[in-house]
Amino acid sequence: MQTRRDILAGLGAAATLTIAPRAGAQGWPGQPITLVVMYGQGGGTDTIMRTLAAEMAAAKGWTINVVNKPGAVGAVATEYVAGREADGHVLLGAANFNKFVRVMGHVDAKPWEQWSYLQAASALGSWAVPVDSPFETLQDVIDAARAEPGRIAISTSGTGGVWHELALIVADAAGIELAYVPYKGGKAATLAGLQGEVDVAGGGVHEHVDLIRAGQLRCLQQMGTEDIVLDDGQVLPSVGGLLPSLAPLLPLGPQYNLVLRRDTPPAVMAEIEEAFAAAVASDAFQQIAASKYFNVEMLTGEAADRRAAQLEAITAATFTKYADKIGAPVRSPAELDLPEPAAFDGWWPPQGYTPPGT
């Protein structure tokens, strides 16, 4: 995890990733900024984005209004922001570098050509059940699913979304078939599990941990590299210890990104990036990250573009393998001019790639 000191030490380097004369941003913003979050209120993306917005506003004296536009694994919010003027007054609060929208056929533009990404943090996937559930362990779920394939239902934050993708990966490793029930965001998916609408709540540690602490949910597995022990002694077991084949892939979970149109004026982009770095370094952001088990990891510029392309390649390959579970046409890596995940390192940067700010 990057600490406040780490981020402040690197602030100068981060700011140089979008090079522009600061004088060009004088008088900006000329109006309140709107941050459009692609998932519903209360989930991980919303929590991260609202904290960033508050701390960016405090650092710069700006007014930032946050609105939620969930739907189509982020495509609704993405298309809305893409249709606004590229002047920095309308920003996108995203998860996972928008890696789903092109794979699912919602847009055609390459993410690292249309957008500039500022990554703040990442999270860990989690499966949980109500404390009165008959499932005490992940093995109990596996045994039940093997006995009755397709009967055990798990909630997701939307068909083709990150919790759906990670549930597919875990189910494949366990050799089971589940029923995937989509909801509009991680909070709704968590509540569905808590209220017994599904057998298992899919989501993230950050969405489950307060309910686990309160004795309402029990963690079956989380997708970190090792077990998490809460202050009260409760253990959130790592899926790597339960399904060893997944251990090399861990940690698994979403990434949270503030996103700008790529054609935003460089001086404005530099202002926003500076405010973003200050927000990630703030005590408020660091504290919420620690309490919710977010991993603070700031990426900007080419490093963020590379992560965007890599994640999109992984998702394209995963969804092509499980196309019958997605419920909609998906595009393969070849159709998207992407390499297979194992070949990514030799492929990046793709021909014609231009880093932000150049």
Protein backbone atom coordinates (compact mmCIF):
# COMPACT_ATOMS: atom_id res chain seq x y z
CA MET A 1 0.00 0.00 0.00
CA GLN A 2 1.24 3.47 -0.83
CA THR A 3 1.32 5.68 2.25
CA ARG A 4 0.69 9.40 2.43
CA ARG A 5 4.46 9.97 2.59
CA ASP A 6 5.05 7.81 -0.51
CA ILE A 7 2.48 9.74 -2.51
CA LEU A 8 3.69 13.16 -1.43
CA ALA A 9 7.27 12.15 -2.24
CA GLY A 10 6.19 11.16 -5.74
CA LEU A 11 3.85 14.07 -6.32
CA GLY A 12 6.35 16.00 -8.36
CA ALA A 13 7.05 12.99 -10.57
CA ALA A 14 3.36 12.25 -10.98
CA ALA A 15 2.57 15.80 -11.99
CA THR A 16 5.15 15.69 -14.78
CA LEU A 17 3.28 12.83 -16.48
CA THR A 18 0.96 15.40 -18.06
CA ILE A 19 3.25 18.23 -19.03
CA ALA A 20 1.73 21.65 -19.55
CA PRO A 21 2.41 25.28 -18.63
CA ARG A 22 0.40 25.97 -15.49
CA ALA A 23 -0.57 29.43 -16.77
CA GLY A 24 -2.87 27.76 -19.31
CA ALA A 25 -5.23 26.68 -16.54
CA GLN A 26 -5.74 30.16 -15.08
CA GLY A 27 -9.40 30.84 -14.42
CA TRP A 28 -10.29 27.17 -14.45
CA PRO A 29 -12.65 25.75 -13.31
CA GLY A 30 -15.15 28.36 -14.37
CA GLN A 31 -18.04 26.40 -12.91
CA PRO A 32 -18.66 23.49 -10.50
CA ILE A 33 -17.15 20.16 -11.56
CA THR A 34 -19.41 17.14 -11.94
CA LEU A 35 -18.06 13.69 -11.14
CA VAL A 36 -20.22 10.97 -12.72
CA VAL A 37 -19.89 7.63 -10.91
CA MET A 38 -20.59 4.56 -13.02
CA TYR A 39 -22.04 2.46 -10.18
CA GLY A 40 -24.69 3.03 -7.52
CA GLN A 41 -24.36 4.70 -4.15
CA GLY A 42 -22.68 2.88 -1.29
CA GLY A 43 -20.45 0.50 -3.26
CA GLY A 44 -16.68 0.59 -3.52
CA THR A 45 -16.52 2.85 -6.57
CA ASP A 46 -18.93 5.34 -5.01
CA THR A 47 -17.09 5.32 -1.67
CA ILE A 48 -13.72 5.94 -3.29
CA MET A 49 -15.00 8.63 -5.67
CA ARG A 50 -16.93 10.59 -3.08
CA THR A 51 -13.88 10.63 -0.81
CA LEU A 52 -11.63 11.75 -3.66
CA ALA A 53 -14.11 14.45 -4.70
CA ALA A 54 -14.31 15.86 -1.18
CA GLU A 55 -10.53 15.89 -0.74
CA MET A 56 -9.84 17.33 -4.22
CA ALA A 57 -12.36 20.09 -3.53
CA ALA A 58 -10.74 20.81 -0.17
CA ALA A 59 -7.24 20.88 -1.65
CA LYS A 60 -8.14 23.31 -4.44
CA GLY A 61 -11.17 25.20 -3.18
CA TRP A 62 -13.30 23.73 -5.97
CA THR A 63 -16.94 22.68 -5.94
CA ILE A 64 -17.36 19.06 -7.08
CA ASN A 65 -20.82 17.55 -7.37
CA VAL A 66 -21.07 13.75 -7.42
CA VAL A 67 -23.85 11.99 -9.33
CA ASN A 68 -24.43 8.27 -9.91
CA LYS A 69 -25.35 6.88 -13.32
CA PRO A 70 -25.21 3.08 -12.99
CA GLY A 71 -26.00 0.66 -15.77
CA ALA A 72 -24.51 -1.62 -18.44
CA VAL A 73 -21.32 -2.29 -16.41
CA GLY A 74 -20.38 1.39 -16.60
CA ALA A 75 -21.40 2.12 -20.18
CA VAL A 76 -24.23 4.49 -19.20
CA ALA A 77 -21.90 6.81 -17.28
CA THR A 78 -19.12 6.39 -19.82
CA GLU A 79 -21.31 7.41 -22.74
CA TYR A 80 -22.66 10.37 -20.77
CA VAL A 81 -19.19 11.75 -20.01
CA ALA A 82 -17.97 10.99 -23.53
CA GLY A 83 -20.77 13.20 -24.85
CA ARG A 84 -19.80 16.22 -22.74
CA GLU A 85 -17.27 18.88 -23.63
CA ALA A 86 -13.66 17.84 -22.92
CA ASP A 87 -12.93 20.82 -20.67
CA GLY A 88 -12.48 18.97 -17.37
CA HIS A 89 -15.79 20.10 -15.89
CA VAL A 90 -17.33 16.61 -16.22
CA LEU A 91 -15.24 13.68 -14.98
CA LEU A 92 -15.87 9.93 -14.84
CA GLY A 93 -15.67 7.98 -11.60
CA ALA A 94 -14.80 4.51 -12.84
CA ALA A 95 -13.72 1.07 -11.80
CA ASN A 96 -11.36 -1.29 -13.61
CA PHE A 97 -10.21 1.17 -16.26
CA ASN A 98 -13.54 0.72 -18.10
CA LYS A 99 -12.27 -2.68 -19.16
CA PHE A 100 -15.74 -4.14 -19.73
CA VAL A 101 -17.41 -1.67 -22.05
CA ARG A 102 -15.44 -2.46 -25.22
CA VAL A 103 -15.35 -6.21 -24.54
CA MET A 104 -19.15 -6.16 -24.16
CA GLY A 105 -19.59 -4.20 -27.39
CA HIS A 106 -20.88 -1.00 -25.81
CA VAL A 107 -18.15 1.19 -27.34
CA ASP A 108 -15.50 0.84 -30.05
CA ALA A 109 -12.80 3.32 -28.95
CA LYS A 110 -9.72 1.92 -27.22
CA PRO A 111 -9.74 3.03 -23.56
CA TRP A 112 -6.13 4.23 -23.62
CA GLU A 113 -6.81 6.36 -26.71
CA GLN A 114 -10.09 7.96 -25.62
CA TRP A 115 -9.43 8.41 -21.91
CA SER A 116 -6.73 9.36 -19.43
CA TYR A 117 -6.81 7.34 -16.21
CA LEU A 118 -5.77 8.25 -12.67
CA GLN A 119 -5.81 5.15 -10.47
CA ALA A 120 -6.28 5.71 -6.74
CA ALA A 121 -6.67 2.28 -5.18
CA SER A 122 -7.70 -1.32 -5.64
CA ALA A 123 -9.84 -3.72 -3.61
CA LEU A 124 -10.18 -7.43 -2.84
CA GLY A 125 -13.02 -9.66 -3.98
CA SER A 126 -15.04 -11.46 -1.31
CA TRP A 127 -17.82 -14.04 -0.92
CA ALA A 128 -19.96 -13.86 2.19
CA VAL A 129 -23.16 -15.38 3.60
CA PRO A 130 -25.55 -14.44 6.42
CA VAL A 131 -24.44 -15.82 9.76
CA ASP A 132 -27.45 -18.16 9.83
CA SER A 133 -26.58 -19.64 6.43
CA PRO A 134 -26.04 -23.40 6.29
CA PHE A 135 -22.78 -22.69 4.47
CA GLU A 136 -20.02 -22.43 7.06
CA THR A 137 -17.13 -22.57 4.58
CA LEU A 138 -16.35 -22.22 0.89
CA GLN A 139 -16.06 -26.01 0.72
CA ASP A 140 -19.70 -26.24 1.81
CA VAL A 141 -20.71 -24.12 -1.18
CA ILE A 142 -18.52 -26.19 -3.50
CA ASP A 143 -20.05 -29.44 -2.24
CA ALA A 144 -23.61 -28.11 -2.65
CA ALA A 145 -22.90 -26.75 -6.12
CA ARG A 146 -21.40 -30.07 -7.23
CA ALA A 147 -24.44 -31.91 -5.92
CA GLU A 148 -26.88 -29.58 -7.73
CA PRO A 149 -25.12 -27.68 -10.55
CA GLY A 150 -26.60 -24.24 -11.18
CA ARG A 151 -28.78 -24.16 -8.05
CA ILE A 152 -26.55 -22.09 -5.75
CA ALA A 153 -27.07 -18.39 -6.56
CA ILE A 154 -24.46 -15.67 -6.07
CA SER A 155 -25.09 -11.94 -6.43
CA THR A 156 -22.94 -9.77 -8.68
CA SER A 157 -22.69 -6.04 -9.37
CA GLY A 158 -23.98 -6.64 -12.90
CA THR A 159 -23.68 -9.20 -15.67
CA GLY A 160 -20.22 -8.82 -17.13
CA GLY A 161 -19.03 -6.72 -14.18
CA VAL A 162 -16.01 -7.34 -11.98
CA TRP A 163 -17.79 -9.38 -9.28
CA HIS A 164 -19.31 -11.53 -12.03
CA GLU A 165 -15.91 -11.97 -13.64
CA LEU A 166 -14.23 -12.94 -10.37
CA ALA A 167 -17.05 -15.32 -9.45
CA LEU A 168 -16.58 -17.05 -12.81
CA ILE A 169 -12.86 -17.40 -12.12
CA VAL A 170 -13.41 -18.89 -8.64
CA ALA A 171 -16.17 -21.21 -9.85
CA ASP A 172 -13.95 -22.43 -12.68
CA ALA A 173 -11.10 -23.14 -10.26
CA ALA A 174 -13.51 -25.04 -8.00
CA GLY A 175 -15.06 -26.95 -10.90
CA ILE A 176 -18.61 -25.82 -10.09
CA GLU A 177 -21.53 -24.18 -11.85
CA LEU A 178 -23.37 -21.32 -10.12
CA ALA A 179 -26.36 -19.12 -10.91
CA TYR A 180 -25.21 -15.49 -11.27
CA VAL A 181 -27.79 -12.86 -10.25
CA PRO A 182 -27.00 -9.28 -11.34
CA TYR A 183 -27.62 -6.16 -9.25
CA LYS A 184 -26.82 -2.49 -9.86
CA GLY A 185 -23.65 -2.18 -7.85
CA GLY A 186 -21.76 -3.86 -5.05
CA LYS A 187 -23.90 -2.47 -2.23
CA ALA A 188 -27.07 -3.89 -3.77
CA ALA A 189 -25.32 -7.22 -4.35
CA THR A 190 -24.24 -7.32 -0.70
CA LEU A 191 -27.73 -6.50 0.57
CA ALA A 192 -29.17 -9.25 -1.65
CA GLY A 193 -26.97 -11.77 0.12
CA LEU A 194 -27.74 -10.35 3.56
CA GLN A 195 -31.49 -10.50 2.90
CA GLY A 196 -31.43 -14.04 1.53
CA GLU A 197 -32.31 -13.17 -2.06
CA VAL A 198 -29.29 -15.24 -3.09
CA ASP A 199 -27.27 -17.93 -1.36
CA VAL A 200 -23.94 -16.08 -1.50
CA ALA A 201 -23.17 -12.37 -1.57
CA GLY A 202 -20.54 -11.60 -4.17
CA GLY A 203 -18.67 -8.35 -3.72
CA GLY A 204 -15.61 -6.94 -2.07
CA VAL A 205 -14.05 -7.02 1.36
CA HIS A 206 -14.76 -3.28 1.62
CA GLU A 207 -18.48 -3.93 1.08
CA HIS A 208 -18.68 -6.88 3.48
CA VAL A 209 -16.30 -6.05 6.30
CA ASP A 210 -18.57 -3.79 8.39
CA LEU A 211 -21.36 -6.38 8.24
CA ILE A 212 -18.84 -9.08 9.19
CA ARG A 213 -17.68 -7.00 12.14
CA ALA A 214 -21.33 -6.50 13.14
CA GLY A 215 -21.95 -10.24 13.16
CA GLN A 216 -24.39 -10.19 10.23
CA LEU A 217 -22.24 -11.76 7.51
CA ARG A 218 -19.64 -14.53 7.50
CA CYS A 219 -16.75 -14.43 5.02
CA LEU A 220 -16.26 -17.61 3.01
CA GLN A 221 -13.24 -16.37 1.08
CA GLN A 222 -11.47 -13.19 0.06
CA MET A 223 -9.10 -12.74 -2.84
CA GLY A 224 -6.02 -11.40 -1.11
CA THR A 225 -2.71 -13.18 -0.96
CA GLU A 226 -3.15 -14.19 2.68
CA ASP A 227 -5.78 -14.48 5.39
CA ILE A 228 -7.06 -11.24 6.95
CA VAL A 229 -7.50 -11.22 10.73
CA LEU A 230 -9.86 -8.54 12.03
CA ASP A 231 -9.37 -6.78 15.35
CA ASP A 232 -11.98 -9.03 16.97
CA GLY A 233 -10.14 -12.15 15.83
CA GLN A 234 -12.44 -13.08 12.96
CA VAL A 235 -10.54 -14.57 10.04
CA LEU A 236 -11.31 -13.76 6.43
CA PRO A 237 -9.68 -16.72 4.64
CA SER A 238 -7.71 -16.23 1.43
CA VAL A 239 -9.10 -18.16 -1.50
CA GLY A 240 -5.50 -19.09 -2.33
CA GLY A 241 -5.35 -21.33 0.71
CA LEU A 242 -8.66 -22.95 -0.27
CA LEU A 243 -8.13 -23.23 -4.03
CA PRO A 244 -4.35 -23.34 -4.53
CA SER A 245 -4.61 -23.02 -8.31
CA LEU A 246 -5.75 -19.42 -7.80
CA ALA A 247 -2.82 -18.43 -5.59
CA PRO A 248 -0.59 -17.23 -8.49
CA LEU A 249 -3.36 -14.88 -9.68
CA LEU A 250 -3.86 -13.10 -6.36
CA PRO A 251 -4.67 -10.42 -5.36
CA LEU A 252 -7.86 -10.11 -7.39
CA GLY A 253 -10.33 -7.25 -7.29
CA PRO A 254 -11.33 -3.97 -8.89
CA GLN A 255 -9.26 -0.86 -9.44
CA TYR A 256 -10.71 2.63 -8.91
CA ASN A 257 -9.99 5.39 -11.39
CA LEU A 258 -10.75 9.05 -11.93
CA VAL A 259 -11.08 9.39 -15.71
CA LEU A 260 -10.78 12.35 -18.08
CA ARG A 261 -11.33 12.68 -21.78
CA ARG A 262 -7.97 12.27 -23.50
CA ASP A 263 -8.45 15.55 -25.38
CA THR A 264 -8.85 17.56 -22.18
CA PRO A 265 -6.51 20.60 -22.36
CA PRO A 266 -3.13 19.56 -20.90
CA ALA A 267 -3.04 22.44 -18.41
CA VAL A 268 -6.46 21.47 -17.06
CA MET A 269 -5.41 17.82 -16.93
CA ALA A 270 -2.36 18.81 -14.91
CA GLU A 271 -4.53 20.75 -12.43
CA ILE A 272 -6.83 17.77 -11.95
CA GLU A 273 -3.92 15.36 -11.59
CA GLU A 274 -2.33 17.55 -8.95
CA ALA A 275 -5.58 17.71 -6.99
CA PHE A 276 -6.02 13.95 -7.37
CA ALA A 277 -2.57 13.20 -5.96
CA ALA A 278 -3.24 15.48 -2.99
CA ALA A 279 -6.57 13.74 -2.38
CA VAL A 280 -5.03 10.26 -2.44
CA ALA A 281 -2.37 11.44 0.02
CA SER A 282 -4.93 13.00 2.37
CA ASP A 283 -5.51 11.61 5.84
CA ALA A 284 -9.21 11.09 5.08
CA PHE A 285 -8.50 8.93 2.03
CA GLN A 286 -5.75 6.95 3.75
CA GLN A 287 -8.00 6.28 6.74
CA ILE A 288 -10.96 5.04 4.71
CA ALA A 289 -8.61 2.85 2.67
CA ALA A 290 -7.22 1.26 5.83
CA SER A 291 -10.63 0.70 7.43
CA LYS A 292 -12.14 -0.89 4.28
CA TYR A 293 -9.03 -2.86 3.22
CA PHE A 294 -8.52 -0.90 0.03
CA ASN A 295 -4.97 -0.99 -1.31
CA VAL A 296 -3.74 2.53 -2.10
CA GLU A 297 -1.86 2.41 -5.39
CA MET A 298 -1.65 5.57 -7.48
CA LEU A 299 -1.00 5.17 -11.22
CA THR A 300 -1.10 7.87 -13.89
CA GLY A 301 0.22 8.42 -17.39
CA GLU A 302 1.64 5.50 -19.36
CA ALA A 303 1.63 3.20 -16.32
CA ALA A 304 -2.14 3.62 -16.06
CA ASP A 305 -2.60 3.13 -19.81
CA ARG A 306 -0.62 -0.09 -19.64
CA ARG A 307 -2.76 -1.39 -16.78
CA ALA A 308 -5.92 -0.45 -18.72
CA ALA A 309 -4.83 -2.43 -21.76
CA GLN A 310 -3.64 -5.41 -19.72
CA LEU A 311 -6.89 -5.68 -17.77
CA GLU A 312 -8.94 -5.39 -20.94
CA ALA A 313 -6.93 -8.23 -22.51
CA ILE A 314 -7.51 -10.44 -19.45
CA THR A 315 -11.25 -9.70 -19.44
CA ALA A 316 -11.58 -10.32 -23.17
CA ALA A 317 -9.91 -13.71 -22.77
CA THR A 318 -11.96 -14.62 -19.67
CA PHE A 319 -15.30 -13.61 -21.17
CA THR A 320 -14.54 -15.39 -24.42
CA LYS A 321 -13.95 -18.58 -22.42
CA TYR A 322 -17.20 -18.13 -20.47
CA ALA A 323 -19.29 -16.50 -23.22
CA ASP A 324 -22.30 -18.67 -22.39
CA LYS A 325 -22.38 -17.15 -18.87
CA ILE A 326 -22.28 -13.53 -19.99
CA GLY A 327 -25.67 -13.52 -21.69
CA ALA A 328 -24.54 -11.17 -24.45
CA PRO A 329 -22.03 -11.21 -27.31
CA VAL A 330 -18.46 -10.62 -26.22
CA ARG A 331 -15.40 -9.67 -28.21
CA SER A 332 -12.30 -11.81 -28.16
CA PRO A 333 -8.78 -10.39 -27.75
CA ALA A 334 -8.20 -10.86 -31.49
CA GLU A 335 -11.34 -8.90 -32.36
CA LEU A 336 -10.13 -6.05 -30.15
CA ASP A 337 -6.57 -6.09 -31.54
CA LEU A 338 -5.33 -7.25 -28.16
CA PRO A 339 -2.85 -10.02 -27.33
CA GLU A 340 -3.65 -13.05 -25.26
CA PRO A 341 -2.80 -12.21 -21.62
CA ALA A 342 0.37 -14.35 -21.60
CA ALA A 343 1.75 -12.36 -24.54
CA PHE A 344 0.93 -8.91 -23.16
CA ASP A 345 4.41 -7.92 -21.96
CA GLY A 346 5.85 -8.38 -25.45
CA TRP A 347 2.96 -6.48 -27.04
CA TRP A 348 2.96 -3.29 -24.98
CA PRO A 349 3.22 -0.54 -26.11
CA PRO A 350 1.13 -1.15 -29.24
CA GLN A 351 2.15 0.40 -32.52
CA GLY A 352 1.19 4.05 -32.68
CA TYR A 353 0.71 4.42 -28.91
CA THR A 354 1.12 7.97 -27.60
CA PRO A 355 1.43 8.58 -23.83
CA PRO A 356 -0.79 11.25 -22.25
CA GLY A 357 0.49 14.81 -22.47
CA THR A 358 2.77 14.22 -25.47
